[in-house]
PDB file of all heavy atoms in Angstrom:
ATOM      1  N   ARG A   1      94.528 102.864 113.770  1.00  0.00           N
ATOM      2  CA  ARG A   1      95.807 103.415 114.219  1.00  0.00           C
ATOM      3  C   ARG A   1      96.941 102.479 113.954  1.00  0.00           C
ATOM      4  O   ARG A   1      96.862 101.292 114.293  1.00  0.00           O
ATOM      5  CB  ARG A   1      95.675 103.714 115.733  1.00  0.00           C
ATOM      6  CG  ARG A   1      96.953 104.417 116.264  1.00  0.00           C
ATOM      7  CD  ARG A   1      96.805 104.788 117.733  1.00  0.00           C
ATOM      8  NE  ARG A   1      97.985 105.367 118.269  1.00  0.00           N
ATOM      9  CZ  ARG A   1      98.180 105.737 119.537  1.00  0.00           C
ATOM     10  NH1 ARG A   1      97.183 105.529 120.399  1.00  0.00           N
ATOM     11  NH2 ARG A   1      99.263 106.323 119.952  1.00  0.00           N
ATOM     12  N   TYR A   2      98.000 102.987 113.368  1.00  0.00           N
ATOM     13  CA  TYR A   2      99.138 102.141 112.962  1.00  0.00           C
ATOM     14  C   TYR A   2     100.117 101.935 114.186  1.00  0.00           C
ATOM     15  O   TYR A   2     100.321 102.885 114.949  1.00  0.00           O
ATOM     16  CB  TYR A   2      99.984 102.780 111.844  1.00  0.00           C
ATOM     17  CG  TYR A   2      99.147 103.162 110.630  1.00  0.00           C
ATOM     18  CD1 TYR A   2      99.545 104.245 109.860  1.00  0.00           C
ATOM     19  CD2 TYR A   2      98.140 102.383 110.193  1.00  0.00           C
ATOM     20  CE1 TYR A   2      98.776 104.647 108.738  1.00  0.00           C
ATOM     21  CE2 TYR A   2      97.365 102.735 109.088  1.00  0.00           C
ATOM     22  CZ  TYR A   2      97.752 103.862 108.345  1.00  0.00           C
ATOM     23  OH  TYR A   2      96.984 104.176 107.240  1.00  0.00           O
ATOM     24  N   ASN A   3     100.672 100.717 114.215  1.00  0.00           N
ATOM     25  CA  ASN A   3     101.736 100.431 115.155  1.00  0.00           C
ATOM     26  C   ASN A   3     102.994 100.662 114.439  1.00  0.00           C
ATOM     27  O   ASN A   3     103.494  99.844 113.665  1.00  0.00           O
ATOM     28  CB  ASN A   3     101.633  99.063 115.668  1.00  0.00           C
ATOM     29  CG  ASN A   3     102.688  98.748 116.768  1.00  0.00           C
ATOM     30  OD1 ASN A   3     103.783  99.259 116.768  1.00  0.00           O
ATOM     31  ND2 ASN A   3     102.316  97.885 117.729  1.00  0.00           N
ATOM     32  N   MET A   4     103.625 101.859 114.544  1.00  0.00           N
ATOM     33  CA  MET A   4     104.771 102.216 113.754  1.00  0.00           C
ATOM     34  C   MET A   4     106.065 101.411 114.124  1.00  0.00           C
ATOM     35  O   MET A   4     106.956 101.270 113.310  1.00  0.00           O
ATOM     36  CB  MET A   4     105.093 103.710 113.866  1.00  0.00           C
ATOM     37  CG  MET A   4     103.984 104.578 113.162  1.00  0.00           C
ATOM     38  SD  MET A   4     103.633 104.141 111.440  1.00  0.00           S
ATOM     39  CE  MET A   4     105.270 104.488 110.679  1.00  0.00           C
ATOM     40  N   LEU A   5     106.086 100.829 115.318  1.00  0.00           N
ATOM     41  CA  LEU A   5     107.222  99.981 115.625  1.00  0.00           C
ATOM     42  C   LEU A   5     107.173  98.758 114.747  1.00  0.00           C
ATOM     43  O   LEU A   5     108.266  98.283 114.304  1.00  0.00           O
ATOM     44  CB  LEU A   5     107.140  99.570 117.128  1.00  0.00           C
ATOM     45  CG  LEU A   5     107.551 100.650 118.137  1.00  0.00           C
ATOM     46  CD1 LEU A   5     107.309 100.140 119.551  1.00  0.00           C
ATOM     47  CD2 LEU A   5     109.056 101.076 117.953  1.00  0.00           C
ATOM     48  N   LEU A   6     105.955  98.219 114.460  1.00  0.00           N
ATOM     49  CA  LEU A   6     105.860  97.070 113.620  1.00  0.00           C
ATOM     50  C   LEU A   6     105.938  97.421 112.119  1.00  0.00           C
ATOM     51  O   LEU A   6     106.626  96.782 111.351  1.00  0.00           O
ATOM     52  CB  LEU A   6     104.526  96.359 113.872  1.00  0.00           C
ATOM     53  CG  LEU A   6     104.345  95.751 115.259  1.00  0.00           C
ATOM     54  CD1 LEU A   6     102.949  95.113 115.377  1.00  0.00           C
ATOM     55  CD2 LEU A   6     105.409  94.711 115.605  1.00  0.00           C
ATOM     56  N   LEU A   7     105.275  98.513 111.710  1.00  0.00           N
ATOM     57  CA  LEU A   7     105.221  98.854 110.335  1.00  0.00           C
ATOM     58  C   LEU A   7     106.386  99.653 109.881  1.00  0.00           C
ATOM     59  O   LEU A   7     106.711  99.678 108.677  1.00  0.00           O
ATOM     60  CB  LEU A   7     103.938  99.624 110.060  1.00  0.00           C
ATOM     61  CG  LEU A   7     102.593  98.911 110.319  1.00  0.00           C
ATOM     62  CD1 LEU A   7     101.409  99.794 109.956  1.00  0.00           C
ATOM     63  CD2 LEU A   7     102.531  97.704 109.505  1.00  0.00           C
ATOM     64  N   GLY A   8     107.062 100.406 110.752  1.00  0.00           N
ATOM     65  CA  GLY A   8     108.166 101.265 110.337  1.00  0.00           C
ATOM     66  C   GLY A   8     109.552 100.763 110.649  1.00  0.00           C
ATOM     67  O   GLY A   8     110.465 100.772 109.813  1.00  0.00           O
ATOM     68  N   TYR A   9     109.730 100.238 111.879  1.00  0.00           N
ATOM     69  CA  TYR A   9     111.047  99.974 112.326  1.00  0.00           C
ATOM     70  C   TYR A   9     111.374  98.490 112.193  1.00  0.00           C
ATOM     71  O   TYR A   9     112.588  98.156 111.902  1.00  0.00           O
ATOM     72  CB  TYR A   9     111.268 100.366 113.767  1.00  0.00           C
ATOM     73  CG  TYR A   9     110.955 101.853 113.925  1.00  0.00           C
ATOM     74  CD1 TYR A   9     109.859 102.323 114.689  1.00  0.00           C
ATOM     75  CD2 TYR A   9     111.726 102.806 113.213  1.00  0.00           C
ATOM     76  CE1 TYR A   9     109.611 103.690 114.740  1.00  0.00           C
ATOM     77  CE2 TYR A   9     111.463 104.128 113.310  1.00  0.00           C
ATOM     78  CZ  TYR A   9     110.409 104.628 114.022  1.00  0.00           C
ATOM     79  OH  TYR A   9     110.122 105.931 114.143  1.00  0.00           O
ATOM     80  N   LEU A  10     110.426  97.590 112.335  1.00  0.00           N
ATOM     81  CA  LEU A  10     110.664  96.191 112.136  1.00  0.00           C
ATOM     82  C   LEU A  10     111.266  95.840 110.739  1.00  0.00           C
ATOM     83  O   LEU A  10     112.287  95.171 110.585  1.00  0.00           O
ATOM     84  CB  LEU A  10     109.411  95.373 112.292  1.00  0.00           C
ATOM     85  CG  LEU A  10     109.433  93.933 111.906  1.00  0.00           C
ATOM     86  CD1 LEU A  10     110.277  93.129 112.896  1.00  0.00           C
ATOM     87  CD2 LEU A  10     107.981  93.308 111.857  1.00  0.00           C
ATOM     88  N   PRO A  11     110.689  96.453 109.614  1.00  0.00           N
ATOM     89  CA  PRO A  11     111.239  96.152 108.335  1.00  0.00           C
ATOM     90  C   PRO A  11     112.649  96.670 108.173  1.00  0.00           C
ATOM     91  O   PRO A  11     113.435  96.155 107.380  1.00  0.00           O
ATOM     92  CB  PRO A  11     110.251  96.868 107.361  1.00  0.00           C
ATOM     93  CG  PRO A  11     109.039  97.055 108.124  1.00  0.00           C
ATOM     94  CD  PRO A  11     109.513  97.261 109.583  1.00  0.00           C
ATOM     95  N   ASN A  12     113.058  97.764 108.803  1.00  0.00           N
ATOM     96  CA  ASN A  12     114.407  98.301 108.687  1.00  0.00           C
ATOM     97  C   ASN A  12     115.434  97.433 109.413  1.00  0.00           C
ATOM     98  O   ASN A  12     116.528  97.211 108.923  1.00  0.00           O
ATOM     99  CB  ASN A  12     114.414  99.730 109.254  1.00  0.00           C
ATOM    100  CG  ASN A  12     113.955 100.716 108.152  1.00  0.00           C
ATOM    101  OD1 ASN A  12     114.581 100.946 107.186  1.00  0.00           O
ATOM    102  ND2 ASN A  12     112.740 101.274 108.417  1.00  0.00           N
ATOM    103  N   PHE A  13     115.035  96.898 110.620  1.00  0.00           N
ATOM    104  CA  PHE A  13     115.963  96.048 111.337  1.00  0.00           C
ATOM    105  C   PHE A  13     115.962  94.627 110.877  1.00  0.00           C
ATOM    106  O   PHE A  13     116.985  93.957 110.837  1.00  0.00           O
ATOM    107  CB  PHE A  13     115.547  96.030 112.844  1.00  0.00           C
ATOM    108  CG  PHE A  13     115.910  97.292 113.567  1.00  0.00           C
ATOM    109  CD1 PHE A  13     114.894  98.091 114.148  1.00  0.00           C
ATOM    110  CD2 PHE A  13     117.253  97.769 113.695  1.00  0.00           C
ATOM    111  CE1 PHE A  13     115.271  99.261 114.792  1.00  0.00           C
ATOM    112  CE2 PHE A  13     117.554  98.933 114.348  1.00  0.00           C
ATOM    113  CZ  PHE A  13     116.570  99.703 114.953  1.00  0.00           C
ATOM    114  N   PHE A  14     114.838  94.145 110.401  1.00  0.00           N
ATOM    115  CA  PHE A  14     114.690  92.746 109.967  1.00  0.00           C
ATOM    116  C   PHE A  14     113.937  92.695 108.587  1.00  0.00           C
ATOM    117  O   PHE A  14     112.848  92.227 108.510  1.00  0.00           O
ATOM    118  CB  PHE A  14     113.930  91.943 111.009  1.00  0.00           C
ATOM    119  CG  PHE A  14     114.466  92.027 112.377  1.00  0.00           C
ATOM    120  CD1 PHE A  14     113.812  92.854 113.330  1.00  0.00           C
ATOM    121  CD2 PHE A  14     115.646  91.369 112.747  1.00  0.00           C
ATOM    122  CE1 PHE A  14     114.313  92.947 114.633  1.00  0.00           C
ATOM    123  CE2 PHE A  14     116.155  91.505 114.022  1.00  0.00           C
ATOM    124  CZ  PHE A  14     115.491  92.299 114.965  1.00  0.00           C
ATOM    125  N   PRO A  15     114.594  93.146 107.513  1.00  0.00           N
ATOM    126  CA  PRO A  15     113.898  93.203 106.201  1.00  0.00           C
ATOM    127  C   PRO A  15     113.483  91.871 105.673  1.00  0.00           C
ATOM    128  O   PRO A  15     112.444  91.807 105.059  1.00  0.00           O
ATOM    129  CB  PRO A  15     114.980  93.892 105.344  1.00  0.00           C
ATOM    130  CG  PRO A  15     116.294  93.692 105.969  1.00  0.00           C
ATOM    131  CD  PRO A  15     115.964  93.707 107.455  1.00  0.00           C
ATOM    132  N   ARG A  16     114.285  90.846 105.909  1.00  0.00           N
ATOM    133  CA  ARG A  16     113.905  89.512 105.426  1.00  0.00           C
ATOM    134  C   ARG A  16     112.671  88.960 106.146  1.00  0.00           C
ATOM    135  O   ARG A  16     111.810  88.279 105.519  1.00  0.00           O
ATOM    136  CB  ARG A  16     115.053  88.539 105.502  1.00  0.00           C
ATOM    137  CG  ARG A  16     116.239  88.908 104.629  1.00  0.00           C
ATOM    138  CD  ARG A  16     117.327  87.884 104.688  1.00  0.00           C
ATOM    139  NE  ARG A  16     118.412  88.222 103.763  1.00  0.00           N
ATOM    140  CZ  ARG A  16     119.568  87.523 103.662  1.00  0.00           C
ATOM    141  NH1 ARG A  16     119.676  86.412 104.412  1.00  0.00           N
ATOM    142  NH2 ARG A  16     120.474  87.961 102.823  1.00  0.00           N
ATOM    143  N   LEU A  17     112.573  89.271 107.422  1.00  0.00           N
ATOM    144  CA  LEU A  17     111.347  88.837 108.172  1.00  0.00           C
ATOM    145  C   LEU A  17     110.126  89.564 107.603  1.00  0.00           C
ATOM    146  O   LEU A  17     109.046  88.963 107.461  1.00  0.00           O
ATOM    147  CB  LEU A  17     111.585  89.191 109.623  1.00  0.00           C
ATOM    148  CG  LEU A  17     110.314  88.934 110.564  1.00  0.00           C
ATOM    149  CD1 LEU A  17     109.940  87.469 110.538  1.00  0.00           C
ATOM    150  CD2 LEU A  17     110.610  89.379 111.992  1.00  0.00           C
ATOM    151  N   ALA A  18     110.262  90.831 107.332  1.00  0.00           N
ATOM    152  CA  ALA A  18     109.123  91.637 106.848  1.00  0.00           C
ATOM    153  C   ALA A  18     108.601  91.039 105.497  1.00  0.00           C
ATOM    154  O   ALA A  18     107.415  91.038 105.257  1.00  0.00           O
ATOM    155  CB  ALA A  18     109.560  93.071 106.646  1.00  0.00           C
ATOM    156  N   GLU A  19     109.500  90.487 104.680  1.00  0.00           N
ATOM    157  CA  GLU A  19     109.131  89.974 103.386  1.00  0.00           C
ATOM    158  C   GLU A  19     108.305  88.676 103.557  1.00  0.00           C
ATOM    159  O   GLU A  19     107.587  88.328 102.615  1.00  0.00           O
ATOM    160  CB  GLU A  19     110.346  89.708 102.526  1.00  0.00           C
ATOM    161  CG  GLU A  19     110.983  90.952 102.023  1.00  0.00           C
ATOM    162  CD  GLU A  19     111.996  90.707 100.892  1.00  0.00           C
ATOM    163  OE1 GLU A  19     112.226  89.480 100.641  1.00  0.00           O
ATOM    164  OE2 GLU A  19     112.648  91.590 100.356  1.00  0.00           O
ATOM    165  N   ARG A  20     108.348  88.056 104.732  1.00  0.00           N
ATOM    166  CA  ARG A  20     107.635  86.768 104.894  1.00  0.00           C
ATOM    167  C   ARG A  20     106.282  87.026 105.544  1.00  0.00           C
ATOM    168  O   ARG A  20     105.533  86.053 105.792  1.00  0.00           O
ATOM    169  CB  ARG A  20     108.482  85.840 105.734  1.00  0.00           C
ATOM    170  CG  ARG A  20     109.661  85.259 104.959  1.00  0.00           C
ATOM    171  CD  ARG A  20     110.239  84.081 105.637  1.00  0.00           C
ATOM    172  NE  ARG A  20     110.989  84.453 106.872  1.00  0.00           N
ATOM    173  CZ  ARG A  20     112.344  84.679 106.922  1.00  0.00           C
ATOM    174  NH1 ARG A  20     113.010  84.644 105.786  1.00  0.00           N
ATOM    175  NH2 ARG A  20     112.890  85.011 108.044  1.00  0.00           N
ATOM    176  N   ILE A  21     105.950  88.285 105.942  1.00  0.00           N
ATOM    177  CA  ILE A  21     104.665  88.505 106.567  1.00  0.00           C
ATOM    178  C   ILE A  21     103.600  88.639 105.513  1.00  0.00           C
ATOM    179  O   ILE A  21     103.673  89.476 104.625  1.00  0.00           O
ATOM    180  CB  ILE A  21     104.762  89.817 107.456  1.00  0.00           C
ATOM    181  CG1 ILE A  21     105.755  89.548 108.589  1.00  0.00           C
ATOM    182  CG2 ILE A  21     103.417  90.214 107.966  1.00  0.00           C
ATOM    183  CD1 ILE A  21     106.000  90.814 109.483  1.00  0.00           C
ATOM    184  N   LYS A  22     102.546  87.913 105.684  1.00  0.00           N
ATOM    185  CA  LYS A  22     101.382  87.925 104.808  1.00  0.00           C
ATOM    186  C   LYS A  22     100.421  89.022 105.189  1.00  0.00           C
ATOM    187  O   LYS A  22     100.067  89.187 106.318  1.00  0.00           O
ATOM    188  CB  LYS A  22     100.663  86.580 104.755  1.00  0.00           C
ATOM    189  CG  LYS A  22     101.551  85.437 104.296  1.00  0.00           C
ATOM    190  CD  LYS A  22     102.083  85.708 102.829  1.00  0.00           C
ATOM    191  CE  LYS A  22     102.945  84.549 102.329  1.00  0.00           C
ATOM    192  NZ  LYS A  22     103.491  84.820 100.994  1.00  0.00           N
ATOM    193  N   ASP A  23      99.927  89.753 104.170  1.00  0.00           N
ATOM    194  CA  ASP A  23      99.068  90.862 104.474  1.00  0.00           C
ATOM    195  C   ASP A  23      97.566  90.538 104.615  1.00  0.00           C
ATOM    196  O   ASP A  23      96.750  91.466 104.609  1.00  0.00           O
ATOM    197  CB  ASP A  23      99.245  92.039 103.473  1.00  0.00           C
ATOM    198  CG  ASP A  23      98.844  91.669 102.042  1.00  0.00           C
ATOM    199  OD1 ASP A  23      98.289  90.519 101.905  1.00  0.00           O
ATOM    200  OD2 ASP A  23      99.075  92.463 101.103  1.00  0.00           O
ATOM    201  N   ASP A  24      97.233  89.295 104.910  1.00  0.00           N
ATOM    202  CA  ASP A  24      95.881  88.952 105.260  1.00  0.00           C
ATOM    203  C   ASP A  24      95.780  88.861 106.827  1.00  0.00           C
ATOM    204  O   ASP A  24      94.725  88.474 107.363  1.00  0.00           O
ATOM    205  CB  ASP A  24      95.373  87.655 104.600  1.00  0.00           C
ATOM    206  CG  ASP A  24      96.255  86.519 104.944  1.00  0.00           C
ATOM    207  OD1 ASP A  24      97.281  86.657 105.587  1.00  0.00           O
ATOM    208  OD2 ASP A  24      95.912  85.376 104.435  1.00  0.00           O
ATOM    209  N   TRP A  25      96.879  89.246 107.468  1.00  0.00           N
ATOM    210  CA  TRP A  25      96.944  89.313 108.919  1.00  0.00           C
ATOM    211  C   TRP A  25      96.445  90.692 109.306  1.00  0.00           C
ATOM    212  O   TRP A  25      97.247  91.605 109.539  1.00  0.00           O
ATOM    213  CB  TRP A  25      98.329  89.042 109.394  1.00  0.00           C
ATOM    214  CG  TRP A  25      98.566  88.967 110.879  1.00  0.00           C
ATOM    215  CD1 TRP A  25      97.529  88.922 111.818  1.00  0.00           C
ATOM    216  CD2 TRP A  25      99.804  88.957 111.622  1.00  0.00           C
ATOM    217  NE1 TRP A  25      98.056  88.908 113.111  1.00  0.00           N
ATOM    218  CE2 TRP A  25      99.458  88.921 112.953  1.00  0.00           C
ATOM    219  CE3 TRP A  25     101.110  89.014 111.179  1.00  0.00           C
ATOM    220  CZ2 TRP A  25     100.448  88.920 113.920  1.00  0.00           C
ATOM    221  CZ3 TRP A  25     102.095  88.997 112.142  1.00  0.00           C
ATOM    222  CH2 TRP A  25     101.795  88.929 113.493  1.00  0.00           C
ATOM    223  N   TYR A  26      95.186  90.859 109.341  1.00  0.00           N
ATOM    224  CA  TYR A  26      94.529  92.208 109.463  1.00  0.00           C
ATOM    225  C   TYR A  26      94.922  92.963 110.709  1.00  0.00           C
ATOM    226  O   TYR A  26      95.142  94.219 110.692  1.00  0.00           O
ATOM    227  CB  TYR A  26      93.023  92.098 109.362  1.00  0.00           C
ATOM    228  CG  TYR A  26      92.529  91.568 108.018  1.00  0.00           C
ATOM    229  CD1 TYR A  26      91.294  90.851 107.979  1.00  0.00           C
ATOM    230  CD2 TYR A  26      93.207  91.820 106.824  1.00  0.00           C
ATOM    231  CE1 TYR A  26      90.837  90.389 106.758  1.00  0.00           C
ATOM    232  CE2 TYR A  26      92.739  91.305 105.638  1.00  0.00           C
ATOM    233  CZ  TYR A  26      91.579  90.656 105.569  1.00  0.00           C
ATOM    234  OH  TYR A  26      91.146  90.148 104.408  1.00  0.00           O
ATOM    235  N   PRO A  27      95.058  92.356 111.928  1.00  0.00           N
ATOM    236  CA  PRO A  27      95.415  93.112 113.082  1.00  0.00           C
ATOM    237  C   PRO A  27      96.839  93.775 112.921  1.00  0.00           C
ATOM    238  O   PRO A  27      96.984  94.881 113.375  1.00  0.00           O
ATOM    239  CB  PRO A  27      95.416  92.080 114.221  1.00  0.00           C
ATOM    240  CG  PRO A  27      94.528  91.002 113.752  1.00  0.00           C
ATOM    241  CD  PRO A  27      94.707  90.995 112.216  1.00  0.00           C
ATOM    242  N   PHE A  28      97.750  93.038 112.329  1.00  0.00           N
ATOM    243  CA  PHE A  28      99.106  93.575 112.150  1.00  0.00           C
ATOM    244  C   PHE A  28      99.104  94.875 111.305  1.00  0.00           C
ATOM    245  O   PHE A  28      99.823  95.833 111.623  1.00  0.00           O
ATOM    246  CB  PHE A  28      99.944  92.542 111.461  1.00  0.00           C
ATOM    247  CG  PHE A  28     101.446  92.915 111.365  1.00  0.00           C
ATOM    248  CD1 PHE A  28     102.330  92.513 112.359  1.00  0.00           C
ATOM    249  CD2 PHE A  28     101.915  93.615 110.260  1.00  0.00           C
ATOM    250  CE1 PHE A  28     103.688  92.879 112.228  1.00  0.00           C
ATOM    251  CE2 PHE A  28     103.211  93.953 110.173  1.00  0.00           C
ATOM    252  CZ  PHE A  28     104.126  93.607 111.155  1.00  0.00           C
ATOM    253  N   PHE A  29      98.246  94.907 110.321  1.00  0.00           N
ATOM    254  CA  PHE A  29      98.199  96.054 109.366  1.00  0.00           C
ATOM    255  C   PHE A  29      97.126  97.021 109.673  1.00  0.00           C
ATOM    256  O   PHE A  29      96.763  97.872 108.840  1.00  0.00           O
ATOM    257  CB  PHE A  29      98.067  95.525 107.912  1.00  0.00           C
ATOM    258  CG  PHE A  29      99.252  94.751 107.421  1.00  0.00           C
ATOM    259  CD1 PHE A  29      99.322  93.395 107.497  1.00  0.00           C
ATOM    260  CD2 PHE A  29     100.317  95.463 106.884  1.00  0.00           C
ATOM    261  CE1 PHE A  29     100.440  92.693 107.039  1.00  0.00           C
ATOM    262  CE2 PHE A  29     101.408  94.721 106.422  1.00  0.00           C
ATOM    263  CZ  PHE A  29     101.519  93.392 106.500  1.00  0.00           C
ATOM    264  N   SER A  30      96.481  96.916 110.830  1.00  0.00           N
ATOM    265  CA  SER A  30      95.412  97.835 111.274  1.00  0.00           C
ATOM    266  C   SER A  30      94.244  97.842 110.265  1.00  0.00           C
ATOM    267  O   SER A  30      93.706  98.914 109.911  1.00  0.00           O
ATOM    268  CB  SER A  30      95.918  99.284 111.343  1.00  0.00           C
ATOM    269  OG  SER A  30      97.035  99.298 112.302  1.00  0.00           O
ATOM    270  N   ARG A  31      93.797  96.679 109.907  1.00  0.00           N
ATOM    271  CA  ARG A  31      92.720  96.562 108.873  1.00  0.00           C
ATOM    272  C   ARG A  31      91.661  95.613 109.362  1.00  0.00           C
ATOM    273  O   ARG A  31      91.043  94.830 108.542  1.00  0.00           O
ATOM    274  CB  ARG A  31      93.300  96.065 107.531  1.00  0.00           C
ATOM    275  CG  ARG A  31      93.844  97.185 106.670  1.00  0.00           C
ATOM    276  CD  ARG A  31      92.742  98.208 106.330  1.00  0.00           C
ATOM    277  NE  ARG A  31      93.135  99.210 105.322  1.00  0.00           N
ATOM    278  CZ  ARG A  31      92.408 100.173 104.916  1.00  0.00           C
ATOM    279  NH1 ARG A  31      91.124 100.331 105.359  1.00  0.00           N
ATOM    280  NH2 ARG A  31      92.832 101.048 104.004  1.00  0.00           N
TER     281      ARG A  31
END
């Protein structure tokens, strides 16, 4: 199940922060 506040709205409010998130952080990406 996705956390849409993290995956959808965080990148719109803080796009530069989203670019620094590494996608081996499995809990963040529901993986």
